[in-house]
Amino acid sequence: MPSRFRPRTQTISDTVHGVPVTYDVPDTSPPPPRLPFNLDSLLRKGLFATAILMTIGAIVWGTVAIGSMLALLAPEWAAYLVAGVFDAGWAACLIAEWLLRYDHKRAALPRKAGVGMLVVSMAAIVLHGAFSGSWGWVVGIIGALVSAAAKGVWAIGMHTIRIKLDPKYEAYLRTLQQQTGTEMALALGERDRLLSEERIVGVRLALEARRPGVPPIVEPVNRPADRPEPQPVQAADQPANQVEPAPAPVPVQAAGRAVDRPVQPEDQVDMLLSRLRKGEHITKRGAAEILGVSESTAYRRLKDAESKLHQYN
């Protein structure tokens, strides 16, 4: 990043003897012009900084005044906690009004609600001053004007940045916001659906793991009966010393030997893997129908087959 105390450089990409290289050289081009001093931006920041400080002061004063009055009938911690709600309410409405500053129809509701909460807060501060003594109502009125002044500064600041859009452009902006909000709502709904499916699979797997395991029934492999040794066969016209022994029988593998073996998880994974290699789209329910097992077991077999498919690819 160029700075005032570090010389500016530019990066050059070149090819030297067929090898691409990148190096930095001093930048001799004239520096870009600096932006002029923006007094409006500085004053706007100062205005809203003042409004924030006044709002903090109004909330502190209102909380102290109303909290001391409510402490007559409630514990102090509860009284002061509830007292902060009065001024925090209209301060929250200011935030909502700021967010809706380009939509005057929707901004009207937080603006009116903020004024109503401000009136209630000011009335509570004046009432607290009236209960304090003969001149307490004067202190109450002055304290209430602190909240009114903070609200007034905010109103002036919002008036300086509020832009009155034409109905056409305001409707256009509102339509874009609704489309974006709809896409966000659909995305969040899809996320919740996927998370629910993951939780369902997790619950099923947990329930299946808690069931007592059934040992697989292994049928005994029948050993072939002992066959007699082959005897030499002699032809009628063959001399006795040239008898050739009979050829030994070629061992033949029984085609049904694999059927006697119980179906293993690896066999089910291989079955799904062969179908995936053919380009078939298999879902969790489809895998359960193919293997004849529960959906939770089929889901595990399908995941193993997909991992093998990606590993081989």
Protein backbone atom coordinates (compact mmCIF):
# COMPACT_ATOMS: atom_id res chain seq x y z
CA MET A 1 0.00 0.00 0.00
CA PRO A 2 1.58 3.34 -0.98
CA SER A 3 2.19 5.80 1.79
CA ARG A 4 3.68 9.25 2.20
CA PHE A 5 6.98 7.92 3.63
CA ARG A 6 7.49 4.96 1.29
CA PRO A 7 8.35 5.34 -2.41
CA ARG A 8 5.72 4.14 -4.82
CA THR A 9 6.49 1.08 -6.92
CA GLN A 10 4.78 -0.73 -9.73
CA THR A 11 4.75 -4.47 -10.40
CA ILE A 12 5.86 -5.66 -13.84
CA SER A 13 5.27 -9.16 -15.19
CA ASP A 14 7.66 -10.31 -17.92
CA THR A 15 9.09 -13.48 -19.47
CA VAL A 16 12.84 -14.14 -19.41
CA HIS A 17 14.01 -17.06 -21.57
CA GLY A 18 10.56 -18.61 -21.39
CA VAL A 19 10.29 -18.23 -17.60
CA PRO A 20 7.60 -15.84 -16.31
CA VAL A 21 8.94 -13.40 -13.70
CA THR A 22 7.43 -10.62 -11.63
CA TYR A 23 9.41 -7.75 -10.15
CA ASP A 24 8.90 -4.24 -8.75
CA VAL A 25 10.36 -1.04 -10.16
CA PRO A 26 10.05 2.56 -8.94
CA ASP A 27 6.85 4.18 -10.13
CA THR A 28 7.77 7.36 -12.00
CA SER A 29 4.23 8.31 -12.96
CA PRO A 30 2.81 11.43 -11.30
CA PRO A 31 0.95 10.70 -8.05
CA PRO A 32 -2.84 10.80 -8.16
CA PRO A 33 -4.38 14.06 -6.99
CA ARG A 34 -5.52 14.15 -3.39
CA LEU A 35 -9.16 14.64 -2.60
CA PRO A 36 -10.02 18.15 -1.43
CA PHE A 37 -10.94 18.76 2.16
CA ASN A 38 -14.61 17.85 2.70
CA LEU A 39 -16.00 20.21 5.29
CA ASP A 40 -19.56 18.92 4.89
CA SER A 41 -18.55 15.38 5.81
CA LEU A 42 -16.65 16.62 8.87
CA LEU A 43 -19.57 18.73 10.08
CA ARG A 44 -22.00 15.88 9.52
CA LYS A 45 -19.84 13.57 11.62
CA GLY A 46 -19.63 16.22 14.33
CA LEU A 47 -23.41 16.67 14.28
CA PHE A 48 -24.15 13.00 14.78
CA ALA A 49 -21.35 12.63 17.35
CA THR A 50 -23.00 15.44 19.35
CA ALA A 51 -26.39 13.76 18.97
CA ILE A 52 -24.98 10.47 20.27
CA LEU A 53 -23.40 12.16 23.30
CA MET A 54 -26.64 14.01 24.07
CA THR A 55 -28.60 10.77 23.77
CA ILE A 56 -26.26 9.01 26.20
CA GLY A 57 -26.64 11.89 28.67
CA ALA A 58 -30.43 11.85 28.31
CA ILE A 59 -30.56 8.09 28.90
CA VAL A 60 -28.36 8.38 32.00
CA TRP A 61 -30.40 11.25 33.47
CA GLY A 62 -33.72 9.58 32.68
CA THR A 63 -32.57 6.30 34.19
CA VAL A 64 -31.43 8.00 37.40
CA ALA A 65 -34.58 10.10 37.75
CA ILE A 66 -37.14 7.44 36.93
CA GLY A 67 -35.18 4.71 38.72
CA SER A 68 -35.13 6.65 41.99
CA MET A 69 -38.91 7.07 41.75
CA LEU A 70 -39.54 3.40 41.00
CA ALA A 71 -37.20 2.38 43.84
CA LEU A 72 -39.92 3.46 46.27
CA LEU A 73 -41.94 0.37 45.33
CA ALA A 74 -39.36 -2.07 43.95
CA PRO A 75 -35.75 -3.15 44.59
CA GLU A 76 -33.18 -0.71 43.33
CA TRP A 77 -31.64 -3.07 40.75
CA ALA A 78 -35.05 -3.75 39.23
CA ALA A 79 -36.10 -0.09 39.38
CA TYR A 80 -33.04 1.23 37.56
CA LEU A 81 -33.12 -1.63 35.07
CA VAL A 82 -36.71 -0.85 34.11
CA ALA A 83 -36.09 2.89 34.14
CA GLY A 84 -33.61 2.59 31.28
CA VAL A 85 -36.35 1.19 29.07
CA PHE A 86 -38.07 4.59 28.76
CA ASP A 87 -35.22 6.43 27.05
CA ALA A 88 -33.74 3.32 25.39
CA GLY A 89 -37.06 2.85 23.58
CA TRP A 90 -37.03 6.12 21.68
CA ALA A 91 -33.28 5.74 21.08
CA ALA A 92 -33.96 2.37 19.39
CA CYS A 93 -36.63 4.04 17.25
CA LEU A 94 -33.95 6.49 16.07
CA ILE A 95 -31.87 3.57 14.81
CA ALA A 96 -34.87 2.15 12.94
CA GLU A 97 -35.59 5.57 11.44
CA TRP A 98 -31.97 5.79 10.26
CA LEU A 99 -32.18 2.39 8.56
CA LEU A 100 -35.41 3.40 6.77
CA ARG A 101 -34.33 6.91 5.82
CA TYR A 102 -34.84 6.20 2.10
CA ASP A 103 -38.39 4.93 2.60
CA HIS A 104 -40.50 7.69 4.16
CA LYS A 105 -43.61 5.50 4.42
CA ARG A 106 -41.93 2.81 6.48
CA ALA A 107 -39.88 5.36 8.44
CA ALA A 108 -43.07 7.07 9.64
CA LEU A 109 -43.87 4.28 12.11
CA PRO A 110 -40.59 4.37 14.11
CA ARG A 111 -40.68 8.18 13.99
CA LYS A 112 -44.15 8.34 15.56
CA ALA A 113 -43.34 5.57 18.04
CA GLY A 114 -40.17 7.38 19.07
CA VAL A 115 -42.08 10.61 19.71
CA GLY A 116 -44.63 8.73 21.83
CA MET A 117 -41.94 7.03 23.92
CA LEU A 118 -40.18 10.39 24.35
CA VAL A 119 -43.36 11.99 25.69
CA VAL A 120 -43.80 9.17 28.20
CA SER A 121 -40.17 9.48 29.33
CA MET A 122 -40.44 13.27 29.75
CA ALA A 123 -43.68 12.92 31.71
CA ALA A 124 -42.05 10.39 34.05
CA ILE A 125 -39.06 12.70 34.64
CA VAL A 126 -41.34 15.67 35.41
CA LEU A 127 -43.41 13.49 37.75
CA HIS A 128 -40.27 12.44 39.59
CA GLY A 129 -39.29 16.09 40.05
CA ALA A 130 -42.76 16.95 41.39
CA PHE A 131 -42.40 14.29 44.10
CA SER A 132 -38.97 15.60 45.15
CA GLY A 133 -40.04 18.84 46.82
CA SER A 134 -41.42 22.33 46.29
CA TRP A 135 -38.92 23.23 43.55
CA GLY A 136 -38.50 19.70 42.31
CA TRP A 137 -40.90 20.18 39.42
CA VAL A 138 -38.50 22.78 37.98
CA VAL A 139 -35.68 20.24 38.08
CA GLY A 140 -38.03 17.69 36.52
CA ILE A 141 -38.90 20.00 33.63
CA ILE A 142 -35.23 20.79 32.97
CA GLY A 143 -34.35 17.11 33.07
CA ALA A 144 -37.17 16.33 30.65
CA LEU A 145 -35.92 19.00 28.26
CA VAL A 146 -32.58 17.15 28.09
CA SER A 147 -34.33 14.22 26.40
CA ALA A 148 -36.27 16.59 24.15
CA ALA A 149 -33.05 18.35 23.11
CA ALA A 150 -31.35 15.06 22.26
CA LYS A 151 -34.34 13.98 20.21
CA GLY A 152 -34.42 17.37 18.47
CA VAL A 153 -30.75 17.17 17.47
CA TRP A 154 -31.37 13.72 16.05
CA ALA A 155 -34.34 15.02 14.09
CA ILE A 156 -32.20 17.81 12.63
CA GLY A 157 -29.45 15.36 11.72
CA MET A 158 -31.92 13.00 10.02
CA HIS A 159 -33.35 15.97 8.12
CA THR A 160 -29.90 16.79 6.71
CA ILE A 161 -29.33 13.30 5.28
CA ARG A 162 -32.88 12.36 4.35
CA ILE A 163 -33.35 12.24 0.57
CA LYS A 164 -36.86 12.49 -0.81
CA LEU A 165 -36.99 9.99 -3.66
CA ASP A 166 -39.47 10.10 -6.49
CA PRO A 167 -42.29 7.55 -6.15
CA LYS A 168 -40.91 5.64 -9.14
CA TYR A 169 -37.41 5.24 -7.68
CA GLU A 170 -38.74 4.62 -4.20
CA ALA A 171 -40.89 1.77 -5.55
CA TYR A 172 -37.87 0.46 -7.48
CA LEU A 173 -35.71 0.49 -4.34
CA ARG A 174 -38.47 -1.18 -2.31
CA THR A 175 -38.86 -3.91 -4.96
CA LEU A 176 -35.14 -4.66 -4.90
CA GLN A 177 -35.19 -4.87 -1.12
CA GLN A 178 -38.16 -7.25 -1.22
CA GLN A 179 -36.44 -9.47 -3.77
CA THR A 180 -33.28 -9.57 -1.68
CA GLY A 181 -35.27 -10.29 1.45
CA THR A 182 -37.16 -13.09 -0.32
CA GLU A 183 -33.93 -14.72 -1.50
CA MET A 184 -32.49 -14.46 1.99
CA ALA A 185 -35.64 -15.99 3.51
CA LEU A 186 -35.56 -18.89 1.01
CA ALA A 187 -31.86 -19.47 1.71
CA LEU A 188 -32.44 -19.52 5.46
CA GLY A 189 -35.39 -21.87 5.03
CA GLU A 190 -33.30 -24.24 2.91
CA ARG A 191 -30.56 -24.14 5.53
CA ASP A 192 -33.04 -25.01 8.29
CA ARG A 193 -34.42 -27.87 6.20
CA LEU A 194 -30.96 -29.35 5.60
CA LEU A 195 -30.06 -28.99 9.26
CA SER A 196 -33.30 -30.74 10.22
CA GLU A 197 -32.51 -33.61 7.87
CA GLU A 198 -29.03 -33.92 9.38
CA ARG A 199 -30.54 -34.02 12.88
CA ILE A 200 -33.04 -36.67 11.78
CA VAL A 201 -30.26 -38.84 10.36
CA GLY A 202 -28.23 -38.35 13.53
CA VAL A 203 -31.17 -39.39 15.73
CA ARG A 204 -31.80 -42.47 13.61
CA LEU A 205 -28.15 -43.47 13.72
CA ALA A 206 -28.10 -43.00 17.49
CA LEU A 207 -31.24 -45.12 17.90
CA GLU A 208 -29.85 -47.81 15.61
CA ALA A 209 -26.58 -47.87 17.57
CA ARG A 210 -28.50 -48.42 20.83
CA ARG A 211 -30.29 -51.49 19.50
CA PRO A 212 -28.72 -54.84 20.47
CA GLY A 213 -26.75 -56.20 17.56
CA VAL A 214 -27.97 -59.41 15.90
CA PRO A 215 -25.06 -61.74 15.13
CA PRO A 216 -25.00 -62.78 11.47
CA ILE A 217 -25.96 -66.38 10.72
CA VAL A 218 -23.01 -68.07 9.06
CA GLU A 219 -23.79 -71.34 7.36
CA PRO A 220 -21.10 -74.02 7.58
CA VAL A 221 -19.16 -74.53 4.39
CA ASN A 222 -19.58 -78.08 3.11
CA ARG A 223 -16.24 -79.62 2.45
CA PRO A 224 -16.01 -81.76 -0.65
CA ALA A 225 -16.14 -85.50 -0.01
CA ASP A 226 -12.90 -87.37 -0.20
CA ARG A 227 -12.56 -88.68 -3.68
CA PRO A 228 -10.63 -91.87 -4.47
CA GLU A 229 -7.27 -91.56 -6.05
CA PRO A 230 -7.47 -91.80 -9.82
CA GLN A 231 -6.46 -95.21 -11.09
CA PRO A 232 -4.43 -95.61 -14.28
CA VAL A 233 -6.46 -96.50 -17.27
CA GLN A 234 -4.95 -98.99 -19.74
CA ALA A 235 -6.15 -99.40 -23.24
CA ALA A 236 -6.71 -102.86 -24.74
CA ASP A 237 -3.86 -102.55 -27.25
CA GLN A 238 -1.44 -100.69 -24.92
CA PRO A 239 1.55 -102.45 -23.35
CA ALA A 240 1.60 -102.83 -19.63
CA ASN A 241 4.70 -100.68 -19.12
CA GLN A 242 3.19 -97.72 -20.99
CA VAL A 243 0.15 -97.18 -18.85
CA GLU A 244 -0.62 -93.50 -18.51
CA PRO A 245 -2.21 -92.26 -15.33
CA ALA A 246 -5.64 -90.73 -15.59
CA PRO A 247 -5.63 -86.93 -15.61
CA ALA A 248 -6.20 -85.36 -12.26
CA PRO A 249 -9.62 -83.71 -11.92
CA VAL A 250 -9.53 -79.94 -12.42
CA PRO A 251 -10.87 -78.19 -9.32
CA VAL A 252 -14.00 -76.26 -10.21
CA GLN A 253 -15.11 -73.36 -8.03
CA ALA A 254 -18.69 -73.60 -6.97
CA ALA A 255 -20.64 -70.71 -8.42
CA GLY A 256 -23.01 -70.63 -5.48
CA ARG A 257 -20.29 -70.53 -2.81
CA ALA A 258 -20.60 -66.70 -2.54
CA VAL A 259 -24.32 -67.08 -1.97
CA ASP A 260 -23.73 -68.99 1.23
CA ARG A 261 -21.77 -66.02 2.65
CA PRO A 262 -23.95 -63.39 4.43
CA VAL A 263 -24.20 -59.99 2.78
CA GLN A 264 -21.51 -57.70 4.15
CA PRO A 265 -21.55 -53.85 4.25
CA GLU A 266 -18.70 -53.85 1.72
CA ASP A 267 -20.91 -55.72 -0.74
CA GLN A 268 -23.65 -53.13 -0.37
CA VAL A 269 -21.16 -50.30 -0.84
CA ASP A 270 -19.78 -51.97 -3.97
CA MET A 271 -23.30 -52.40 -5.33
CA LEU A 272 -24.04 -48.69 -4.92
CA LEU A 273 -20.58 -47.79 -6.28
CA SER A 274 -21.21 -49.73 -9.48
CA ARG A 275 -24.50 -47.91 -10.00
CA LEU A 276 -22.90 -44.52 -9.36
CA ARG A 277 -20.19 -45.27 -11.88
CA LYS A 278 -22.91 -45.84 -14.47
CA GLY A 279 -24.15 -42.30 -13.88
CA GLU A 280 -27.23 -43.14 -11.85
CA HIS A 281 -28.50 -40.56 -9.35
CA ILE A 282 -29.23 -42.38 -6.11
CA THR A 283 -30.96 -40.74 -3.16
CA LYS A 284 -31.14 -41.95 0.40
CA ARG A 285 -34.59 -43.43 -0.15
CA GLY A 286 -33.53 -45.06 -3.41
CA ALA A 287 -30.50 -46.62 -1.73
CA ALA A 288 -32.76 -48.03 0.98
CA GLU A 289 -35.00 -49.63 -1.65
CA ILE A 290 -32.03 -51.07 -3.55
CA LEU A 291 -30.33 -52.57 -0.48
CA GLY A 292 -33.48 -53.45 1.44
CA VAL A 293 -32.29 -51.75 4.62
CA SER A 294 -33.36 -48.74 6.67
CA GLU A 295 -32.78 -45.23 5.35
CA SER A 296 -30.19 -44.45 8.03
CA THR A 297 -28.14 -47.54 7.08
CA ALA A 298 -28.60 -46.80 3.39
CA TYR A 299 -27.42 -43.23 3.98
CA ARG A 300 -24.14 -44.50 5.48
CA ARG A 301 -23.60 -46.98 2.64
CA LEU A 302 -24.33 -44.26 0.05
CA LYS A 303 -21.84 -41.87 1.65
CA ASP A 304 -19.15 -44.58 1.65
CA ALA A 305 -19.82 -45.32 -2.02
CA GLU A 306 -19.65 -41.61 -2.94
CA SER A 307 -16.36 -41.22 -1.08
CA LYS A 308 -14.92 -44.19 -2.94
CA LEU A 309 -16.17 -42.79 -6.24
CA HIS A 310 -14.47 -39.42 -5.58
CA GLN A 311 -11.30 -41.21 -4.45
CA TYR A 312 -11.07 -43.24 -7.65
CA ASN A 313 -11.83 -40.19 -9.81
